[in-house]
Amino acid sequence: MDNIRVIRLGYGLESKYYDEVIGQRALVDLEKGTPLKMEMIGRLINFAYKDV
């Protein structure tokens, strides 16, 4: 869990998806500080718009 951290809301996935993201594989190389987006996750999970 050293390679992921929760920072400012509005720049990537919301922190409430933290547990669902852990264990997923990135589809692209991610630079340090890159906001994570759903399209970057290996196994696409149907969680992006649960609460809409």
N, C-alpha and C. Protein backbone atom coordinates (compact mmCIF):
# COMPACT_ATOMS: atom_id res chain seq x y z
N MET A 1 0.81 -1.19 0.00
CA MET A 1 0.00 0.00 0.00
C MET A 1 0.86 1.26 0.00
N ASP A 2 2.15 1.09 -0.20
CA ASP A 2 3.04 2.23 -0.23
C ASP A 2 2.94 3.01 -1.53
N ASN A 3 2.34 2.43 -2.54
CA ASN A 3 2.30 3.06 -3.86
C ASN A 3 1.01 3.80 -4.16
N ILE A 4 0.17 3.97 -3.15
CA ILE A 4 -1.10 4.66 -3.37
C ILE A 4 -1.39 5.53 -2.16
N ARG A 5 -1.95 6.70 -2.43
CA ARG A 5 -2.36 7.56 -1.32
C ARG A 5 -3.59 8.35 -1.72
N VAL A 6 -4.32 8.78 -0.74
CA VAL A 6 -5.54 9.55 -0.96
C VAL A 6 -5.17 11.03 -0.82
N ILE A 7 -5.46 11.79 -1.87
CA ILE A 7 -5.18 13.23 -1.85
C ILE A 7 -6.42 14.00 -2.28
N ARG A 8 -6.27 15.21 -2.68
CA ARG A 8 -7.37 16.12 -3.03
C ARG A 8 -8.51 15.48 -3.83
N LEU A 9 -9.70 15.69 -3.37
CA LEU A 9 -10.88 15.25 -4.10
C LEU A 9 -11.03 16.08 -5.36
N GLY A 10 -11.48 15.45 -6.42
CA GLY A 10 -11.73 16.18 -7.64
C GLY A 10 -10.70 15.94 -8.72
N TYR A 11 -9.63 15.22 -8.40
CA TYR A 11 -8.57 14.98 -9.36
C TYR A 11 -8.44 13.53 -9.78
N GLY A 12 -9.24 12.66 -9.25
CA GLY A 12 -9.17 11.24 -9.58
C GLY A 12 -10.34 10.52 -8.93
N LEU A 13 -10.19 9.21 -8.73
CA LEU A 13 -11.26 8.45 -8.07
C LEU A 13 -11.44 8.91 -6.64
N GLU A 14 -12.66 8.86 -6.16
CA GLU A 14 -12.93 9.24 -4.78
C GLU A 14 -12.32 8.22 -3.83
N SER A 15 -11.97 8.67 -2.65
CA SER A 15 -11.32 7.81 -1.66
C SER A 15 -12.20 6.64 -1.22
N LYS A 16 -13.51 6.75 -1.40
CA LYS A 16 -14.40 5.65 -1.00
C LYS A 16 -14.16 4.39 -1.83
N TYR A 17 -13.45 4.50 -2.96
CA TYR A 17 -13.15 3.34 -3.80
C TYR A 17 -11.79 2.72 -3.50
N TYR A 18 -11.10 3.21 -2.48
CA TYR A 18 -9.76 2.76 -2.13
C TYR A 18 -9.68 1.23 -2.03
N ASP A 19 -10.55 0.62 -1.23
CA ASP A 19 -10.50 -0.84 -1.04
C ASP A 19 -10.78 -1.60 -2.32
N GLU A 20 -11.56 -1.06 -3.22
CA GLU A 20 -11.87 -1.73 -4.48
C GLU A 20 -10.73 -1.60 -5.49
N VAL A 21 -9.91 -0.58 -5.33
CA VAL A 21 -8.78 -0.36 -6.23
C VAL A 21 -7.59 -1.23 -5.84
N ILE A 22 -7.40 -1.44 -4.54
CA ILE A 22 -6.27 -2.24 -4.06
C ILE A 22 -6.33 -3.62 -4.69
N GLY A 23 -5.21 -4.06 -5.25
CA GLY A 23 -5.14 -5.38 -5.88
C GLY A 23 -5.39 -5.34 -7.37
N GLN A 24 -5.84 -4.20 -7.90
CA GLN A 24 -6.08 -4.08 -9.34
C GLN A 24 -4.78 -3.74 -10.05
N ARG A 25 -4.70 -4.06 -11.31
CA ARG A 25 -3.51 -3.80 -12.11
C ARG A 25 -3.75 -2.61 -13.03
N ALA A 26 -2.78 -1.71 -13.09
CA ALA A 26 -2.90 -0.54 -13.96
C ALA A 26 -2.68 -0.96 -15.41
N LEU A 27 -3.43 -0.38 -16.32
CA LEU A 27 -3.30 -0.65 -17.75
C LEU A 27 -2.22 0.21 -18.39
N VAL A 28 -1.82 1.27 -17.72
CA VAL A 28 -0.82 2.20 -18.24
C VAL A 28 0.23 2.44 -17.15
N ASP A 29 1.41 2.90 -17.57
CA ASP A 29 2.43 3.30 -16.60
C ASP A 29 1.96 4.58 -15.92
N LEU A 30 2.08 4.60 -14.60
CA LEU A 30 1.62 5.76 -13.84
C LEU A 30 2.82 6.45 -13.20
N GLU A 31 2.96 7.72 -13.44
CA GLU A 31 3.99 8.52 -12.80
C GLU A 31 3.54 8.80 -11.36
N LYS A 32 4.49 9.01 -10.48
CA LYS A 32 4.17 9.36 -9.10
C LYS A 32 3.30 10.61 -9.10
N GLY A 33 2.20 10.57 -8.37
CA GLY A 33 1.31 11.71 -8.26
C GLY A 33 0.20 11.76 -9.29
N THR A 34 0.15 10.77 -10.19
CA THR A 34 -0.89 10.75 -11.22
C THR A 34 -2.24 10.41 -10.60
N PRO A 35 -3.26 11.25 -10.79
CA PRO A 35 -4.60 10.93 -10.29
C PRO A 35 -5.13 9.68 -10.99
N LEU A 36 -5.63 8.73 -10.24
CA LEU A 36 -6.13 7.48 -10.80
C LEU A 36 -7.54 7.66 -11.33
N LYS A 37 -7.76 7.14 -12.52
CA LYS A 37 -9.09 7.17 -13.13
C LYS A 37 -9.52 5.75 -13.44
N MET A 38 -10.81 5.53 -13.53
CA MET A 38 -11.33 4.19 -13.75
C MET A 38 -10.74 3.52 -14.99
N GLU A 39 -10.50 4.31 -16.04
CA GLU A 39 -9.98 3.75 -17.29
C GLU A 39 -8.58 3.19 -17.14
N MET A 40 -7.89 3.55 -16.07
CA MET A 40 -6.51 3.12 -15.86
C MET A 40 -6.41 1.79 -15.12
N ILE A 41 -7.53 1.26 -14.65
CA ILE A 41 -7.54 0.04 -13.84
C ILE A 41 -7.72 -1.18 -14.72
N GLY A 42 -6.93 -2.22 -14.44
CA GLY A 42 -6.93 -3.44 -15.25
C GLY A 42 -8.27 -4.14 -15.32
N ARG A 43 -8.79 -4.53 -14.22
CA ARG A 43 -10.09 -5.20 -14.22
C ARG A 43 -11.13 -4.14 -13.96
N LEU A 44 -11.85 -3.77 -14.99
CA LEU A 44 -12.84 -2.71 -14.82
C LEU A 44 -13.94 -3.18 -13.89
N ILE A 45 -14.16 -2.39 -12.90
CA ILE A 45 -15.15 -2.72 -11.88
C ILE A 45 -16.33 -1.78 -12.07
N ASN A 46 -17.52 -2.27 -11.90
CA ASN A 46 -18.70 -1.44 -12.06
C ASN A 46 -18.96 -0.70 -10.75
N PHE A 47 -18.09 0.27 -10.44
CA PHE A 47 -18.28 1.01 -9.21
C PHE A 47 -18.23 2.52 -9.40
N ALA A 48 -17.97 2.98 -10.59
CA ALA A 48 -17.74 4.41 -10.81
C ALA A 48 -18.96 5.26 -10.49
N TYR A 49 -20.14 4.78 -10.75
CA TYR A 49 -21.31 5.62 -10.58
C TYR A 49 -22.37 4.98 -9.70
N LYS A 50 -21.95 4.22 -8.71
CA LYS A 50 -22.89 3.57 -7.79
C LYS A 50 -23.85 4.54 -7.13
N ASP A 51 -23.31 5.66 -6.68
CA ASP A 51 -24.10 6.57 -5.85
C ASP A 51 -24.77 7.69 -6.62
N VAL A 52 -24.80 7.61 -7.94
CA VAL A 52 -25.41 8.68 -8.74
C VAL A 52 -26.89 8.48 -8.80
